[in-house]
Amino acid sequence: MDNQTRCAFAGILRQVASCLELPLGWNSYNAAPIDPETALYALRLLLVILPSTPMVTLVTPVRGGVQFEWSTVKGSMGICVHAPGSVEVYSETAEGVLEWQGDPEASVAGLEVIRLMVGRVVG
């Protein structure tokens, strides 16, 4: 991992750690707190794809998961981790929309699909 990638990941790590402190109902939609196991799973997934991704934006969904988003001139993409093993990925470019959901750790194919989707937007 190069220094730029390490710094980017450290920033996301700090943001996720901060979000773990959010209480039940932390926003006007009565949002759920983020489960530490979900946060850890999301960070591990990000580490797997991080070498091929630029800076990412962290979003905290109302249901308590962790969502990473990218927006580039090529398009936009998001990875939402609802719980360990429950992941939704979307990617939208001029070529169209791709969506995937499942457990990326259940097969190599899942990770390859996510890498493909990342490549469409940030590659």
C-alpha atoms as a PDB file:
ATOM      1  CA  MET A   1       0.000   0.000   0.000  1.00  0.00           C
ATOM      2  CA  ASP A   2       1.523   3.322  -1.019  1.00  0.00           C
ATOM      3  CA  ASN A   3       1.601   6.342   1.298  1.00  0.00           C
ATOM      4  CA  GLN A   4      -1.284   8.140  -0.440  1.00  0.00           C
ATOM      5  CA  THR A   5      -3.514   5.066  -0.129  1.00  0.00           C
ATOM      6  CA  ARG A   6      -2.460   4.582   3.502  1.00  0.00           C
ATOM      7  CA  CYS A   7      -3.363   8.201   4.314  1.00  0.00           C
ATOM      8  CA  ALA A   8      -6.717   7.879   2.545  1.00  0.00           C
ATOM      9  CA  PHE A   9      -7.527   4.708   4.469  1.00  0.00           C
ATOM     10  CA  ALA A  10      -6.458   6.306   7.771  1.00  0.00           C
ATOM     11  CA  GLY A  11      -8.904   9.152   7.104  1.00  0.00           C
ATOM     12  CA  ILE A  12     -11.765   6.740   6.426  1.00  0.00           C
ATOM     13  CA  LEU A  13     -10.799   4.724   9.502  1.00  0.00           C
ATOM     14  CA  ARG A  14     -11.074   7.858  11.667  1.00  0.00           C
ATOM     15  CA  GLN A  15     -14.456   8.691  10.133  1.00  0.00           C
ATOM     16  CA  VAL A  16     -15.805   5.185  10.726  1.00  0.00           C
ATOM     17  CA  ALA A  17     -14.523   5.240  14.320  1.00  0.00           C
ATOM     18  CA  SER A  18     -16.313   8.558  14.855  1.00  0.00           C
ATOM     19  CA  CYS A  19     -19.553   7.138  13.417  1.00  0.00           C
ATOM     20  CA  LEU A  20     -19.405   4.218  15.864  1.00  0.00           C
ATOM     21  CA  GLU A  21     -20.064   6.755  18.619  1.00  0.00           C
ATOM     22  CA  LEU A  22     -23.387   7.862  17.118  1.00  0.00           C
ATOM     23  CA  PRO A  23     -26.293   6.925  19.418  1.00  0.00           C
ATOM     24  CA  LEU A  24     -29.667   5.489  18.437  1.00  0.00           C
ATOM     25  CA  GLY A  25     -31.706   8.242  16.774  1.00  0.00           C
ATOM     26  CA  TRP A  26     -28.660  10.355  15.919  1.00  0.00           C
ATOM     27  CA  ASN A  27     -30.525  12.143  13.116  1.00  0.00           C
ATOM     28  CA  SER A  28     -34.070  13.374  12.454  1.00  0.00           C
ATOM     29  CA  TYR A  29     -34.955   9.968  10.910  1.00  0.00           C
ATOM     30  CA  ASN A  30     -34.260   8.080  14.163  1.00  0.00           C
ATOM     31  CA  ALA A  31     -31.239   6.381  12.600  1.00  0.00           C
ATOM     32  CA  ALA A  32     -29.844   3.163  14.012  1.00  0.00           C
ATOM     33  CA  PRO A  33     -26.332   3.120  15.455  1.00  0.00           C
ATOM     34  CA  ILE A  34     -23.628   1.426  13.415  1.00  0.00           C
ATOM     35  CA  ASP A  35     -22.828  -2.099  14.531  1.00  0.00           C
ATOM     36  CA  PRO A  36     -19.062  -2.452  15.157  1.00  0.00           C
ATOM     37  CA  GLU A  37     -18.999  -5.831  13.351  1.00  0.00           C
ATOM     38  CA  THR A  38     -20.559  -4.201  10.285  1.00  0.00           C
ATOM     39  CA  ALA A  39     -18.022  -1.373  10.404  1.00  0.00           C
ATOM     40  CA  LEU A  40     -15.131  -3.821  10.648  1.00  0.00           C
ATOM     41  CA  TYR A  41     -16.476  -5.910   7.753  1.00  0.00           C
ATOM     42  CA  ALA A  42     -16.899  -2.764   5.618  1.00  0.00           C
ATOM     43  CA  LEU A  43     -13.343  -1.643   6.342  1.00  0.00           C
ATOM     44  CA  ARG A  44     -11.942  -5.082   5.460  1.00  0.00           C
ATOM     45  CA  LEU A  45     -13.857  -4.995   2.163  1.00  0.00           C
ATOM     46  CA  LEU A  46     -12.537  -1.510   1.423  1.00  0.00           C
ATOM     47  CA  LEU A  47      -8.978  -2.701   2.073  1.00  0.00           C
ATOM     48  CA  VAL A  48      -9.425  -5.446  -0.528  1.00  0.00           C
ATOM     49  CA  ILE A  49     -10.402  -2.960  -3.245  1.00  0.00           C
ATOM     50  CA  LEU A  50      -8.525   0.115  -1.981  1.00  0.00           C
ATOM     51  CA  PRO A  51      -5.376  -0.220  -4.101  1.00  0.00           C
ATOM     52  CA  SER A  52      -7.510   0.484  -7.170  1.00  0.00           C
ATOM     53  CA  THR A  53      -9.629   3.303  -5.731  1.00  0.00           C
ATOM     54  CA  PRO A  54      -9.129   7.003  -5.098  1.00  0.00           C
ATOM     55  CA  MET A  55     -10.498   8.878  -2.121  1.00  0.00           C
ATOM     56  CA  VAL A  56     -13.870   7.624  -1.003  1.00  0.00           C
ATOM     57  CA  THR A  57     -16.748   9.336   0.788  1.00  0.00           C
ATOM     58  CA  LEU A  58     -18.249   7.712   3.866  1.00  0.00           C
ATOM     59  CA  VAL A  59     -22.035   7.805   4.242  1.00  0.00           C
ATOM     60  CA  THR A  60     -23.936   6.543   7.276  1.00  0.00           C
ATOM     61  CA  PRO A  61     -27.279   5.077   6.162  1.00  0.00           C
ATOM     62  CA  VAL A  62     -30.338   5.446   8.367  1.00  0.00           C
ATOM     63  CA  ARG A  63     -30.566   1.669   8.932  1.00  0.00           C
ATOM     64  CA  GLY A  64     -27.153   1.579  10.587  1.00  0.00           C
ATOM     65  CA  GLY A  65     -24.851   0.227   7.891  1.00  0.00           C
ATOM     66  CA  VAL A  66     -21.743   1.704   6.331  1.00  0.00           C
ATOM     67  CA  GLN A  67     -21.720   3.088   2.800  1.00  0.00           C
ATOM     68  CA  PHE A  68     -18.747   4.142   0.691  1.00  0.00           C
ATOM     69  CA  GLU A  69     -19.321   6.350  -2.363  1.00  0.00           C
ATOM     70  CA  TRP A  70     -17.212   7.515  -5.281  1.00  0.00           C
ATOM     71  CA  SER A  71     -18.028  10.186  -7.832  1.00  0.00           C
ATOM     72  CA  THR A  72     -15.751  10.829 -10.813  1.00  0.00           C
ATOM     73  CA  VAL A  73     -16.049  12.226 -14.325  1.00  0.00           C
ATOM     74  CA  LYS A  74     -16.759   8.641 -15.474  1.00  0.00           C
ATOM     75  CA  GLY A  75     -19.702   8.108 -13.117  1.00  0.00           C
ATOM     76  CA  SER A  76     -20.695   7.255  -9.588  1.00  0.00           C
ATOM     77  CA  MET A  77     -20.557   4.188  -7.413  1.00  0.00           C
ATOM     78  CA  GLY A  78     -21.579   3.068  -3.965  1.00  0.00           C
ATOM     79  CA  ILE A  79     -20.952   0.081  -1.741  1.00  0.00           C
ATOM     80  CA  CYS A  80     -23.409  -0.307   1.128  1.00  0.00           C
ATOM     81  CA  VAL A  81     -22.625  -2.838   3.831  1.00  0.00           C
ATOM     82  CA  HIS A  82     -25.832  -3.545   5.751  1.00  0.00           C
ATOM     83  CA  ALA A  83     -24.262  -6.273   7.898  1.00  0.00           C
ATOM     84  CA  PRO A  84     -21.369  -8.704   7.565  1.00  0.00           C
ATOM     85  CA  GLY A  85     -22.058 -10.675   4.383  1.00  0.00           C
ATOM     86  CA  SER A  86     -24.888  -8.378   3.249  1.00  0.00           C
ATOM     87  CA  VAL A  87     -23.555  -5.943   0.655  1.00  0.00           C
ATOM     88  CA  GLU A  88     -25.173  -3.923  -2.137  1.00  0.00           C
ATOM     89  CA  VAL A  89     -23.075  -2.345  -4.865  1.00  0.00           C
ATOM     90  CA  TYR A  90     -24.174   0.014  -7.623  1.00  0.00           C
ATOM     91  CA  SER A  91     -22.279   1.721 -10.388  1.00  0.00           C
ATOM     92  CA  GLU A  92     -23.613   4.215 -12.916  1.00  0.00           C
ATOM     93  CA  THR A  93     -21.702   5.428 -15.968  1.00  0.00           C
ATOM     94  CA  ALA A  94     -22.600   6.566 -19.480  1.00  0.00           C
ATOM     95  CA  GLU A  95     -22.588   2.852 -20.370  1.00  0.00           C
ATOM     96  CA  GLY A  96     -25.434   2.188 -17.953  1.00  0.00           C
ATOM     97  CA  VAL A  97     -26.162   0.982 -14.456  1.00  0.00           C
ATOM     98  CA  LEU A  98     -24.758  -2.151 -12.822  1.00  0.00           C
ATOM     99  CA  GLU A  99     -26.020  -3.532  -9.518  1.00  0.00           C
ATOM    100  CA  TRP A 100     -24.845  -6.439  -7.403  1.00  0.00           C
ATOM    101  CA  GLN A 101     -25.799  -7.727  -3.975  1.00  0.00           C
ATOM    102  CA  GLY A 102     -24.660 -10.587  -1.810  1.00  0.00           C
ATOM    103  CA  ASP A 103     -21.681 -11.691   0.230  1.00  0.00           C
ATOM    104  CA  PRO A 104     -18.435 -10.768  -1.536  1.00  0.00           C
ATOM    105  CA  GLU A 105     -16.513 -13.182   0.670  1.00  0.00           C
ATOM    106  CA  ALA A 106     -18.680 -16.132  -0.408  1.00  0.00           C
ATOM    107  CA  SER A 107     -16.836 -16.431  -3.710  1.00  0.00           C
ATOM    108  CA  VAL A 108     -13.998 -14.903  -5.657  1.00  0.00           C
ATOM    109  CA  ALA A 109     -16.546 -13.937  -8.307  1.00  0.00           C
ATOM    110  CA  GLY A 110     -18.225 -11.490  -5.913  1.00  0.00           C
ATOM    111  CA  LEU A 111     -15.006  -9.574  -5.339  1.00  0.00           C
ATOM    112  CA  GLU A 112     -14.223  -9.622  -9.053  1.00  0.00           C
ATOM    113  CA  VAL A 113     -17.624  -8.098  -9.871  1.00  0.00           C
ATOM    114  CA  ILE A 114     -17.023  -5.338  -7.327  1.00  0.00           C
ATOM    115  CA  ARG A 115     -13.547  -4.663  -8.753  1.00  0.00           C
ATOM    116  CA  LEU A 116     -15.044  -4.496 -12.249  1.00  0.00           C
ATOM    117  CA  MET A 117     -17.643  -2.006 -11.082  1.00  0.00           C
ATOM    118  CA  VAL A 118     -14.989   0.087  -9.330  1.00  0.00           C
ATOM    119  CA  GLY A 119     -12.894   0.053 -12.492  1.00  0.00           C
ATOM    120  CA  ARG A 120     -15.775   1.443 -14.553  1.00  0.00           C
ATOM    121  CA  VAL A 121     -15.997   4.518 -12.334  1.00  0.00           C
ATOM    122  CA  VAL A 122     -12.515   5.169 -11.015  1.00  0.00           C
ATOM    123  CA  GLY A 123     -10.221   3.235 -13.335  1.00  0.00           C
END
